PDB file of N, CA and C in Angstrom:
ATOM      1  N   LEU A   1       0.833  -1.183   0.000  1.00  0.00           N
ATOM      2  CA  LEU A   1       0.000   0.000   0.000  1.00  0.00           C
ATOM      3  C   LEU A   1       0.879   1.247   0.000  1.00  0.00           C
ATOM      4  N   VAL A   2       0.348   2.307  -0.562  1.00  0.00           N
ATOM      5  CA  VAL A   2       1.105   3.550  -0.666  1.00  0.00           C
ATOM      6  C   VAL A   2       1.555   4.043   0.696  1.00  0.00           C
ATOM      7  N   ARG A   3       0.655   3.997   1.672  1.00  0.00           N
ATOM      8  CA  ARG A   3       1.001   4.544   2.992  1.00  0.00           C
ATOM      9  C   ARG A   3       2.124   3.780   3.681  1.00  0.00           C
ATOM     10  N   ASP A   4       2.374   2.540   3.257  1.00  0.00           N
ATOM     11  CA  ASP A   4       3.427   1.723   3.854  1.00  0.00           C
ATOM     12  C   ASP A   4       4.705   1.690   3.020  1.00  0.00           C
ATOM     13  N   HIS A   5       4.714   2.417   1.912  1.00  0.00           N
ATOM     14  CA  HIS A   5       5.889   2.424   1.037  1.00  0.00           C
ATOM     15  C   HIS A   5       7.062   3.063   1.781  1.00  0.00           C
ATOM     16  N   PRO A   6       8.264   2.482   1.667  1.00  0.00           N
ATOM     17  CA  PRO A   6       9.427   3.022   2.391  1.00  0.00           C
ATOM     18  C   PRO A   6       9.693   4.501   2.122  1.00  0.00           C
ATOM     19  N   ASP A   7       9.485   4.957   0.900  1.00  0.00           N
ATOM     20  CA  ASP A   7       9.720   6.375   0.596  1.00  0.00           C
ATOM     21  C   ASP A   7       8.705   7.273   1.295  1.00  0.00           C
ATOM     22  N   ILE A   8       7.466   6.815   1.388  1.00  0.00           N
ATOM     23  CA  ILE A   8       6.439   7.589   2.084  1.00  0.00           C
ATOM     24  C   ILE A   8       6.748   7.629   3.583  1.00  0.00           C
ATOM     25  N   LEU A   9       7.159   6.500   4.130  1.00  0.00           N
ATOM     26  CA  LEU A   9       7.511   6.450   5.556  1.00  0.00           C
ATOM     27  C   LEU A   9       8.703   7.357   5.841  1.00  0.00           C
ATOM     28  N   ARG A  10       9.673   7.350   4.949  1.00  0.00           N
ATOM     29  CA  ARG A  10      10.859   8.204   5.101  1.00  0.00           C
ATOM     30  C   ARG A  10      10.463   9.682   5.040  1.00  0.00           C
ATOM     31  N   LEU A  11       9.589  10.032   4.095  1.00  0.00           N
ATOM     32  CA  LEU A  11       9.124  11.411   3.975  1.00  0.00           C
ATOM     33  C   LEU A  11       8.358  11.830   5.229  1.00  0.00           C
ATOM     34  N   GLY A  12       7.488  10.944   5.721  1.00  0.00           N
ATOM     35  CA  GLY A  12       6.745  11.237   6.939  1.00  0.00           C
ATOM     36  C   GLY A  12       7.667  11.492   8.122  1.00  0.00           C
ATOM     37  N   ALA A  13       8.721  10.675   8.253  1.00  0.00           N
ATOM     38  CA  ALA A  13       9.684  10.855   9.347  1.00  0.00           C
ATOM     39  C   ALA A  13      10.440  12.175   9.197  1.00  0.00           C
ATOM     40  N   MET A  14      10.815  12.510   7.965  1.00  0.00           N
ATOM     41  CA  MET A  14      11.533  13.767   7.717  1.00  0.00           C
ATOM     42  C   MET A  14      10.653  14.968   8.094  1.00  0.00           C
ATOM     43  N   LEU A  15       9.400  14.925   7.697  1.00  0.00           N
ATOM     44  CA  LEU A  15       8.491  16.017   8.029  1.00  0.00           C
ATOM     45  C   LEU A  15       8.254  16.102   9.531  1.00  0.00           C
ATOM     46  N   GLN A  16       8.150  14.954  10.180  1.00  0.00           N
ATOM     47  CA  GLN A  16       7.935  14.918  11.624  1.00  0.00           C
ATOM     48  C   GLN A  16       9.095  15.582  12.361  1.00  0.00           C
ATOM     49  N   ARG A  17      10.313  15.347  11.901  1.00  0.00           N
ATOM     50  CA  ARG A  17      11.493  15.991  12.519  1.00  0.00           C
ATOM     51  C   ARG A  17      11.436  17.510  12.384  1.00  0.00           C
ATOM     52  N   GLN A  18      10.712  17.988  11.372  1.00  0.00           N
ATOM     53  CA  GLN A  18      10.562  19.433  11.148  1.00  0.00           C
ATOM     54  C   GLN A  18       9.316  19.985  11.820  1.00  0.00           C
ATOM     55  N   GLY A  19       8.621  19.136  12.570  1.00  0.00           N
ATOM     56  CA  GLY A  19       7.418  19.566  13.263  1.00  0.00           C
ATOM     57  C   GLY A  19       6.172  19.574  12.377  1.00  0.00           C
ATOM     58  N   ALA A  20       6.242  18.891  11.238  1.00  0.00           N
ATOM     59  CA  ALA A  20       5.103  18.835  10.315  1.00  0.00           C
ATOM     60  C   ALA A  20       4.584  17.402  10.233  1.00  0.00           C
ATOM     61  N   GLN A  21       3.473  17.241   9.568  1.00  0.00           N
ATOM     62  CA  GLN A  21       2.881  15.920   9.391  1.00  0.00           C
ATOM     63  C   GLN A  21       2.560  15.699   7.925  1.00  0.00           C
ATOM     64  N   LEU A  22       2.593  14.447   7.530  1.00  0.00           N
ATOM     65  CA  LEU A  22       2.197  14.046   6.188  1.00  0.00           C
ATOM     66  C   LEU A  22       0.809  13.434   6.263  1.00  0.00           C
ATOM     67  N   HIS A  23      -0.094  13.912   5.419  1.00  0.00           N
ATOM     68  CA  HIS A  23      -1.439  13.372   5.347  1.00  0.00           C
ATOM     69  C   HIS A  23      -1.668  12.871   3.934  1.00  0.00           C
ATOM     70  N   LEU A  24      -2.121  11.643   3.810  1.00  0.00           N
ATOM     71  CA  LEU A  24      -2.475  11.069   2.516  1.00  0.00           C
ATOM     72  C   LEU A  24      -3.977  10.885   2.479  1.00  0.00           C
ATOM     73  N   TYR A  25      -4.589  11.298   1.393  1.00  0.00           N
ATOM     74  CA  TYR A  25      -6.025  11.160   1.241  1.00  0.00           C
ATOM     75  C   TYR A  25      -6.325  10.332   0.001  1.00  0.00           C
ATOM     76  N   PHE A  26      -7.255   9.432   0.140  1.00  0.00           N
ATOM     77  CA  PHE A  26      -7.690   8.591  -0.960  1.00  0.00           C
ATOM     78  C   PHE A  26      -9.199   8.712  -1.066  1.00  0.00           C
ATOM     79  N   ALA A  27      -9.702   8.529  -2.256  1.00  0.00           N
ATOM     80  CA  ALA A  27     -11.149   8.628  -2.464  1.00  0.00           C
ATOM     81  C   ALA A  27     -11.808   7.325  -2.036  1.00  0.00           C
ATOM     82  N   ASN A  28     -12.379   6.602  -2.968  1.00  0.00           N
ATOM     83  CA  ASN A  28     -13.109   5.383  -2.629  1.00  0.00           C
ATOM     84  C   ASN A  28     -12.220   4.156  -2.573  1.00  0.00           C
ATOM     85  N   ALA A  29     -11.002   4.271  -3.107  1.00  0.00           N
ATOM     86  CA  ALA A  29     -10.129   3.102  -3.133  1.00  0.00           C
ATOM     87  C   ALA A  29      -8.673   3.536  -3.213  1.00  0.00           C
ATOM     88  N   GLN A  30      -7.835   2.693  -2.666  1.00  0.00           N
ATOM     89  CA  GLN A  30      -6.395   2.844  -2.823  1.00  0.00           C
ATOM     90  C   GLN A  30      -5.963   1.702  -3.738  1.00  0.00           C
ATOM     91  N   PHE A  31      -5.637   2.049  -4.965  1.00  0.00           N
ATOM     92  CA  PHE A  31      -5.324   1.039  -5.968  1.00  0.00           C
ATOM     93  C   PHE A  31      -3.894   0.555  -5.836  1.00  0.00           C
ATOM     94  N   ARG A  32      -3.646  -0.655  -6.307  1.00  0.00           N
ATOM     95  CA  ARG A  32      -2.301  -1.221  -6.312  1.00  0.00           C
ATOM     96  C   ARG A  32      -1.628  -0.865  -7.626  1.00  0.00           C
ATOM     97  N   LEU A  33      -0.430  -0.342  -7.545  1.00  0.00           N
ATOM     98  CA  LEU A  33       0.334   0.010  -8.732  1.00  0.00           C
ATOM     99  C   LEU A  33       0.941  -1.251  -9.325  1.00  0.00           C
ATOM    100  N   ALA A  34       0.690  -1.472 -10.611  1.00  0.00           N
ATOM    101  CA  ALA A  34       1.213  -2.650 -11.301  1.00  0.00           C
ATOM    102  C   ALA A  34       2.716  -2.518 -11.506  1.00  0.00           C
ATOM    103  N   GLY A  35       3.342  -3.619 -11.826  1.00  0.00           N
ATOM    104  CA  GLY A  35       4.785  -3.652 -12.042  1.00  0.00           C
ATOM    105  C   GLY A  35       5.257  -2.754 -13.164  1.00  0.00           C
ATOM    106  N   ASN A  36       4.363  -2.387 -14.101  1.00  0.00           N
ATOM    107  CA  ASN A  36       4.773  -1.505 -15.194  1.00  0.00           C
ATOM    108  C   ASN A  36       4.853  -0.043 -14.755  1.00  0.00           C
ATOM    109  N   GLY A  37       4.492   0.234 -13.506  1.00  0.00           N
ATOM    110  CA  GLY A  37       4.617   1.588 -12.970  1.00  0.00           C
ATOM    111  C   GLY A  37       3.527   2.543 -13.416  1.00  0.00           C
ATOM    112  N   THR A  38       2.504   2.056 -14.112  1.00  0.00           N
ATOM    113  CA  THR A  38       1.467   2.935 -14.629  1.00  0.00           C
ATOM    114  C   THR A  38       0.064   2.483 -14.261  1.00  0.00           C
ATOM    115  N   ASP A  39      -0.229   1.212 -14.486  1.00  0.00           N
ATOM    116  CA  ASP A  39      -1.591   0.708 -14.318  1.00  0.00           C
ATOM    117  C   ASP A  39      -1.964   0.571 -12.848  1.00  0.00           C
ATOM    118  N   LEU A  40      -3.186   0.976 -12.547  1.00  0.00           N
ATOM    119  CA  LEU A  40      -3.735   0.867 -11.204  1.00  0.00           C
ATOM    120  C   LEU A  40      -4.924  -0.077 -11.272  1.00  0.00           C
ATOM    121  N   GLY A  41      -4.724  -1.297 -10.780  1.00  0.00           N
ATOM    122  CA  GLY A  41      -5.751  -2.318 -10.906  1.00  0.00           C
ATOM    123  C   GLY A  41      -6.757  -2.315  -9.775  1.00  0.00           C
ATOM    124  N   PHE A  42      -7.978  -2.723 -10.097  1.00  0.00           N
ATOM    125  CA  PHE A  42      -9.031  -2.838  -9.089  1.00  0.00           C
ATOM    126  C   PHE A  42      -8.820  -4.081  -8.225  1.00  0.00           C
ATOM    127  N   GLU A  43      -8.279  -5.147  -8.821  1.00  0.00           N
ATOM    128  CA  GLU A  43      -8.017  -6.379  -8.070  1.00  0.00           C
ATOM    129  C   GLU A  43      -6.903  -6.098  -7.065  1.00  0.00           C
ATOM    130  N   GLY A  44      -7.158  -6.372  -5.797  1.00  0.00           N
ATOM    131  CA  GLY A  44      -6.162  -6.121  -4.754  1.00  0.00           C
ATOM    132  C   GLY A  44      -6.187  -4.705  -4.213  1.00  0.00           C
ATOM    133  N   ALA A  45      -7.080  -3.860  -4.740  1.00  0.00           N
ATOM    134  CA  ALA A  45      -7.198  -2.497  -4.221  1.00  0.00           C
ATOM    135  C   ALA A  45      -7.836  -2.530  -2.839  1.00  0.00           C
ATOM    136  N   GLU A  46      -7.568  -1.518  -2.062  1.00  0.00           N
ATOM    137  CA  GLU A  46      -8.177  -1.392  -0.737  1.00  0.00           C
ATOM    138  C   GLU A  46      -9.310  -0.376  -0.854  1.00  0.00           C
ATOM    139  N   PHE A  47     -10.552  -0.850  -0.762  1.00  0.00           N
ATOM    140  CA  PHE A  47     -11.734  -0.020  -0.962  1.00  0.00           C
ATOM    141  C   PHE A  47     -12.376   0.375   0.356  1.00  0.00           C
ATOM    142  N   GLU A  48     -13.067   1.482   0.342  1.00  0.00           N
ATOM    143  CA  GLU A  48     -14.016   1.819   1.385  1.00  0.00           C
ATOM    144  C   GLU A  48     -15.130   0.786   1.235  1.00  0.00           C
ATOM    145  N   ALA A  49     -15.668   0.287   2.327  1.00  0.00           N
ATOM    146  CA  ALA A  49     -16.564  -0.871   2.310  1.00  0.00           C
ATOM    147  C   ALA A  49     -17.772  -0.709   1.375  1.00  0.00           C
ATOM    148  N   LYS A  50     -18.473   0.414   1.440  1.00  0.00           N
ATOM    149  CA  LYS A  50     -19.645   0.609   0.581  1.00  0.00           C
ATOM    150  C   LYS A  50     -19.235   0.700  -0.885  1.00  0.00           C
ATOM    151  N   ALA A  51     -18.124   1.361  -1.152  1.00  0.00           N
ATOM    152  CA  ALA A  51     -17.645   1.483  -2.532  1.00  0.00           C
ATOM    153  C   ALA A  51     -17.262   0.113  -3.078  1.00  0.00           C
ATOM    154  N   GLU A  52     -16.621  -0.700  -2.268  1.00  0.00           N
ATOM    155  CA  GLU A  52     -16.224  -2.038  -2.724  1.00  0.00           C
ATOM    156  C   GLU A  52     -17.449  -2.882  -3.078  1.00  0.00           C
ATOM    157  N   ALA A  53     -18.464  -2.831  -2.238  1.00  0.00           N
ATOM    158  CA  ALA A  53     -19.677  -3.605  -2.513  1.00  0.00           C
ATOM    159  C   ALA A  53     -20.297  -3.163  -3.837  1.00  0.00           C
ATOM    160  N   GLU A  54     -20.352  -1.860  -4.070  1.00  0.00           N
ATOM    161  CA  GLU A  54     -20.937  -1.340  -5.310  1.00  0.00           C
ATOM    162  C   GLU A  54     -20.100  -1.725  -6.522  1.00  0.00           C
ATOM    163  N   VAL A  55     -18.792  -1.588  -6.416  1.00  0.00           N
ATOM    164  CA  VAL A  55     -17.894  -1.922  -7.527  1.00  0.00           C
ATOM    165  C   VAL A  55     -17.993  -3.406  -7.861  1.00  0.00           C
ATOM    166  N   ARG A  56     -17.956  -4.248  -6.851  1.00  0.00           N
ATOM    167  CA  ARG A  56     -18.045  -5.698  -7.090  1.00  0.00           C
ATOM    168  C   ARG A  56     -19.400  -6.088  -7.684  1.00  0.00           C
ATOM    169  N   ALA A  57     -20.463  -5.446  -7.221  1.00  0.00           N
ATOM    170  CA  ALA A  57     -21.798  -5.740  -7.747  1.00  0.00           C
ATOM    171  C   ALA A  57     -21.902  -5.350  -9.223  1.00  0.00           C
ATOM    172  N   ARG A  58     -21.295  -4.236  -9.592  1.00  0.00           N
ATOM    173  CA  ARG A  58     -21.405  -3.757 -10.968  1.00  0.00           C
ATOM    174  C   ARG A  58     -20.428  -4.461 -11.913  1.00  0.00           C
ATOM    175  N   LEU A  59     -19.227  -4.764 -11.433  1.00  0.00           N
ATOM    176  CA  LEU A  59     -18.210  -5.328 -12.322  1.00  0.00           C
ATOM    177  C   LEU A  59     -18.194  -6.850 -12.343  1.00  0.00           C
ATOM    178  N   GLY A  60     -18.597  -7.469 -11.251  1.00  0.00           N
ATOM    179  CA  GLY A  60     -18.606  -8.927 -11.196  1.00  0.00           C
ATOM    180  C   GLY A  60     -17.273  -9.533 -11.604  1.00  0.00           C
ATOM    181  N   SER A  61     -17.312 -10.493 -12.510  1.00  0.00           N
ATOM    182  CA  SER A  61     -16.092 -11.204 -12.909  1.00  0.00           C
ATOM    183  C   SER A  61     -15.156 -10.348 -13.763  1.00  0.00           C
ATOM    184  N   PHE A  62     -15.614  -9.161 -14.191  1.00  0.00           N
ATOM    185  CA  PHE A  62     -14.757  -8.265 -14.977  1.00  0.00           C
ATOM    186  C   PHE A  62     -13.795  -7.481 -14.084  1.00  0.00           C
ATOM    187  N   LEU A  63     -13.994  -7.507 -12.785  1.00  0.00           N
ATOM    188  CA  LEU A  63     -13.181  -6.720 -11.845  1.00  0.00           C
ATOM    189  C   LEU A  63     -11.671  -6.868 -12.070  1.00  0.00           C
ATOM    190  N   PRO A  64     -11.123  -8.081 -12.249  1.00  0.00           N
ATOM    191  CA  PRO A  64      -9.669  -8.184 -12.431  1.00  0.00           C
ATOM    192  C   PRO A  64      -9.153  -7.505 -13.712  1.00  0.00           C
ATOM    193  N   GLU A  65     -10.038  -7.299 -14.679  1.00  0.00           N
ATOM    194  CA  GLU A  65      -9.633  -6.658 -15.932  1.00  0.00           C
ATOM    195  C   GLU A  65      -9.670  -5.133 -15.857  1.00  0.00           C
ATOM    196  N   MET A  66     -10.378  -4.616 -14.872  1.00  0.00           N
ATOM    197  CA  MET A  66     -10.600  -3.177 -14.762  1.00  0.00           C
ATOM    198  C   MET A  66      -9.357  -2.470 -14.238  1.00  0.00           C
ATOM    199  N   LYS A  67      -9.098  -1.275 -14.764  1.00  0.00           N
ATOM    200  CA  LYS A  67      -7.986  -0.443 -14.293  1.00  0.00           C
ATOM    201  C   LYS A  67      -8.525   0.947 -14.001  1.00  0.00           C
ATOM    202  N   CYS A  68      -7.920   1.591 -13.048  1.00  0.00           N
ATOM    203  CA  CYS A  68      -8.298   2.957 -12.719  1.00  0.00           C
ATOM    204  C   CYS A  68      -7.969   3.856 -13.907  1.00  0.00           C
ATOM    205  N   ALA A  69      -8.837   4.810 -14.204  1.00  0.00           N
ATOM    206  CA  ALA A  69      -8.653   5.682 -15.361  1.00  0.00           C
ATOM    207  C   ALA A  69      -7.768   6.880 -15.023  1.00  0.00           C
ATOM    208  N   VAL A  70      -6.552   6.605 -14.656  1.00  0.00           N
ATOM    209  CA  VAL A  70      -5.566   7.650 -14.407  1.00  0.00           C
ATOM    210  C   VAL A  70      -4.522   7.538 -15.500  1.00  0.00           C
ATOM    211  N   TRP A  71      -4.272   8.625 -16.161  1.00  0.00           N
ATOM    212  CA  TRP A  71      -3.304   8.615 -17.273  1.00  0.00           C
ATOM    213  C   TRP A  71      -2.062   9.393 -16.870  1.00  0.00           C
ATOM    214  N   ASP A  72      -0.918   8.882 -17.290  1.00  0.00           N
ATOM    215  CA  ASP A  72       0.270   9.720 -17.205  1.00  0.00           C
ATOM    216  C   ASP A  72       0.385  10.407 -18.558  1.00  0.00           C
ATOM    217  N   TRP A  73       1.036  11.534 -18.616  1.00  0.00           N
ATOM    218  CA  TRP A  73       1.058  12.319 -19.848  1.00  0.00           C
ATOM    219  C   TRP A  73       2.396  12.211 -20.563  1.00  0.00           C
ATOM    220  N   GLY A  74       3.111  11.137 -20.331  1.00  0.00           N
ATOM    221  CA  GLY A  74       4.347  10.874 -21.054  1.00  0.00           C
ATOM    222  C   GLY A  74       4.054  10.178 -22.358  1.00  0.00           C
ATOM    223  N   ASP A  75       4.443   8.932 -22.464  1.00  0.00           N
ATOM    224  CA  ASP A  75       4.266   8.157 -23.687  1.00  0.00           C
ATOM    225  C   ASP A  75       2.790   8.035 -24.048  1.00  0.00           C
ATOM    226  N   ARG A  76       1.935   7.947 -23.065  1.00  0.00           N
ATOM    227  CA  ARG A  76       0.506   7.806 -23.348  1.00  0.00           C
ATOM    228  C   ARG A  76      -0.047   9.034 -24.052  1.00  0.00           C
ATOM    229  N   PHE A  77       0.499  10.196 -23.763  1.00  0.00           N
ATOM    230  CA  PHE A  77       0.054  11.413 -24.423  1.00  0.00           C
ATOM    231  C   PHE A  77       0.577  11.479 -25.848  1.00  0.00           C
ATOM    232  N   GLN A  78       1.798  11.067 -26.029  1.00  0.00           N
ATOM    233  CA  GLN A  78       2.419  11.116 -27.348  1.00  0.00           C
ATOM    234  C   GLN A  78       1.898  10.029 -28.285  1.00  0.00           C
ATOM    235  N   HIS A  79       1.547   8.869 -27.743  1.00  0.00           N
ATOM    236  CA  HIS A  79       1.114   7.722 -28.553  1.00  0.00           C
ATOM    237  C   HIS A  79      -0.118   7.066 -27.926  1.00  0.00           C
ATOM    238  N   PRO A  80      -1.233   7.793 -27.857  1.00  0.00           N
ATOM    239  CA  PRO A  80      -2.395   7.255 -27.136  1.00  0.00           C
ATOM    240  C   PRO A  80      -2.944   5.954 -27.728  1.00  0.00           C
ATOM    241  N   GLU A  81      -2.876   5.785 -29.034  1.00  0.00           N
ATOM    242  CA  GLU A  81      -3.436   4.579 -29.652  1.00  0.00           C
ATOM    243  C   GLU A  81      -2.795   3.315 -29.086  1.00  0.00           C
ATOM    244  N   ALA A  82      -1.531   3.382 -28.755  1.00  0.00           N
ATOM    245  CA  ALA A  82      -0.823   2.212 -28.234  1.00  0.00           C
ATOM    246  C   ALA A  82      -1.298   1.816 -26.838  1.00  0.00           C
ATOM    247  N   HIS A  83      -2.023   2.715 -26.182  1.00  0.00           N
ATOM    248  CA  HIS A  83      -2.445   2.456 -24.801  1.00  0.00           C
ATOM    249  C   HIS A  83      -3.939   2.185 -24.681  1.00  0.00           C
ATOM    250  N   LEU A  84      -4.630   2.129 -25.802  1.00  0.00           N
ATOM    251  CA  LEU A  84      -6.072   1.886 -25.779  1.00  0.00           C
ATOM    252  C   LEU A  84      -6.371   0.420 -25.921  1.00  0.00           C
TER     253      LEU A  84
END
């Protein structure tokens, strides 16, 4: 999970030493970042309970195929057809 990532923990500790705090906010789900560094899959995501029930009810067996619609604007912007 993002909140447990070593870099996030390190940043939180650094801010704490300066008298500040790190706050992370997520909407209905905290998605798992795929090994390709871009895709955010619904399978294995940590959902708010009501959101998870709704997502599972609507997606059913398609859930593992679903990805969060977040785009990076690098290669995907330059060559969108390759990412569709």
